[in-house]
Amino acid sequence: MTAGWRTAVLSGAAALLVAAIAVSFLLWGLNGPAYLIDLIAAYCF
């Protein structure tokens, strides 16, 4: 029972990671690195 939940959580985390990487590369390609850095700075500070 525990192994099924562990697999679901790991696959969900992997999917979120892949989506975050895809979005970051898309933003990088559209606006360059400055936009991505500004976005991170706006959310962190």
N, C-alpha and C. Protein backbone atom coordinates (compact mmCIF):
# COMPACT_ATOMS: atom_id res chain seq x y z
N MET A 1 0.83 -1.20 0.00
CA MET A 1 0.00 0.00 0.00
C MET A 1 0.87 1.26 0.00
N THR A 2 1.90 1.26 0.81
CA THR A 2 2.78 2.43 0.90
C THR A 2 3.54 2.65 -0.41
N ALA A 3 3.93 1.56 -1.07
CA ALA A 3 4.71 1.69 -2.30
C ALA A 3 3.91 2.39 -3.39
N GLY A 4 2.60 2.17 -3.45
CA GLY A 4 1.79 2.84 -4.45
C GLY A 4 1.75 4.34 -4.25
N TRP A 5 1.60 4.77 -2.99
CA TRP A 5 1.61 6.20 -2.69
C TRP A 5 2.97 6.81 -2.98
N ARG A 6 4.03 6.07 -2.64
CA ARG A 6 5.38 6.57 -2.88
C ARG A 6 5.62 6.76 -4.37
N THR A 7 5.17 5.81 -5.18
CA THR A 7 5.33 5.92 -6.63
C THR A 7 4.54 7.10 -7.17
N ALA A 8 3.32 7.29 -6.66
CA ALA A 8 2.49 8.41 -7.13
C ALA A 8 3.12 9.74 -6.76
N VAL A 9 3.65 9.85 -5.56
CA VAL A 9 4.27 11.10 -5.13
C VAL A 9 5.54 11.38 -5.94
N LEU A 10 6.34 10.36 -6.16
CA LEU A 10 7.57 10.56 -6.93
C LEU A 10 7.28 10.93 -8.38
N SER A 11 6.30 10.27 -8.99
CA SER A 11 5.98 10.60 -10.37
C SER A 11 5.36 12.00 -10.46
N GLY A 12 4.57 12.39 -9.47
CA GLY A 12 4.01 13.74 -9.45
C GLY A 12 5.10 14.79 -9.30
N ALA A 13 6.05 14.52 -8.41
CA ALA A 13 7.16 15.46 -8.22
C ALA A 13 8.01 15.56 -9.49
N ALA A 14 8.23 14.43 -10.15
CA ALA A 14 8.99 14.45 -11.40
C ALA A 14 8.26 15.24 -12.48
N ALA A 15 6.94 15.08 -12.54
CA ALA A 15 6.15 15.81 -13.54
C ALA A 15 6.21 17.32 -13.27
N LEU A 16 6.12 17.70 -11.99
CA LEU A 16 6.22 19.13 -11.66
C LEU A 16 7.59 19.68 -12.01
N LEU A 17 8.63 18.90 -11.76
CA LEU A 17 9.98 19.35 -12.08
C LEU A 17 10.14 19.54 -13.59
N VAL A 18 9.67 18.59 -14.36
CA VAL A 18 9.76 18.70 -15.83
C VAL A 18 8.95 19.91 -16.32
N ALA A 19 7.77 20.13 -15.75
CA ALA A 19 6.96 21.28 -16.16
C ALA A 19 7.66 22.59 -15.81
N ALA A 20 8.27 22.66 -14.63
CA ALA A 20 8.97 23.88 -14.23
C ALA A 20 10.16 24.16 -15.14
N ILE A 21 10.88 23.11 -15.51
CA ILE A 21 12.02 23.28 -16.41
C ILE A 21 11.54 23.72 -17.79
N ALA A 22 10.44 23.13 -18.27
CA ALA A 22 9.91 23.51 -19.58
C ALA A 22 9.47 24.97 -19.59
N VAL A 23 8.78 25.40 -18.53
CA VAL A 23 8.34 26.80 -18.46
C VAL A 23 9.53 27.74 -18.39
N SER A 24 10.56 27.36 -17.62
CA SER A 24 11.72 28.24 -17.52
C SER A 24 12.45 28.36 -18.85
N PHE A 25 12.56 27.25 -19.59
CA PHE A 25 13.20 27.34 -20.90
C PHE A 25 12.35 28.15 -21.88
N LEU A 26 11.02 28.04 -21.76
CA LEU A 26 10.15 28.83 -22.62
C LEU A 26 10.31 30.31 -22.34
N LEU A 27 10.31 30.69 -21.05
CA LEU A 27 10.50 32.09 -20.69
C LEU A 27 11.88 32.58 -21.10
N TRP A 28 12.89 31.74 -20.96
CA TRP A 28 14.24 32.10 -21.36
C TRP A 28 14.29 32.38 -22.86
N GLY A 29 13.64 31.51 -23.64
CA GLY A 29 13.67 31.66 -25.09
C GLY A 29 12.90 32.88 -25.56
N LEU A 30 11.79 33.21 -24.88
CA LEU A 30 10.98 34.33 -25.32
C LEU A 30 11.58 35.67 -24.94
N ASN A 31 12.09 35.78 -23.71
CA ASN A 31 12.48 37.09 -23.19
C ASN A 31 13.95 37.18 -22.77
N GLY A 32 14.67 36.10 -22.85
CA GLY A 32 16.06 36.12 -22.43
C GLY A 32 16.20 35.89 -20.93
N PRO A 33 17.41 35.76 -20.47
CA PRO A 33 17.66 35.43 -19.06
C PRO A 33 17.24 36.53 -18.09
N ALA A 34 17.25 37.77 -18.53
CA ALA A 34 16.93 38.87 -17.62
C ALA A 34 15.49 38.75 -17.09
N TYR A 35 14.56 38.35 -17.94
CA TYR A 35 13.17 38.22 -17.51
C TYR A 35 13.03 37.14 -16.45
N LEU A 36 13.70 36.00 -16.66
CA LEU A 36 13.62 34.89 -15.72
C LEU A 36 14.22 35.28 -14.38
N ILE A 37 15.33 35.99 -14.40
CA ILE A 37 15.98 36.43 -13.16
C ILE A 37 15.10 37.45 -12.45
N ASP A 38 14.50 38.36 -13.18
CA ASP A 38 13.59 39.34 -12.59
C ASP A 38 12.37 38.66 -11.97
N LEU A 39 11.86 37.63 -12.63
CA LEU A 39 10.71 36.89 -12.10
C LEU A 39 11.05 36.21 -10.79
N ILE A 40 12.21 35.56 -10.74
CA ILE A 40 12.63 34.90 -9.50
C ILE A 40 12.85 35.92 -8.41
N ALA A 41 13.47 37.04 -8.73
CA ALA A 41 13.71 38.08 -7.74
C ALA A 41 12.40 38.67 -7.20
N ALA A 42 11.41 38.81 -8.09
CA ALA A 42 10.12 39.37 -7.66
C ALA A 42 9.41 38.43 -6.68
N TYR A 43 9.53 37.13 -6.89
CA TYR A 43 8.87 36.19 -6.00
C TYR A 43 9.64 35.96 -4.71
N CYS A 44 10.95 36.11 -4.76
CA CYS A 44 11.77 35.80 -3.57
C CYS A 44 11.97 37.00 -2.65
N PHE A 45 11.96 38.22 -3.22
CA PHE A 45 12.31 39.37 -2.40
C PHE A 45 11.19 40.35 -2.30
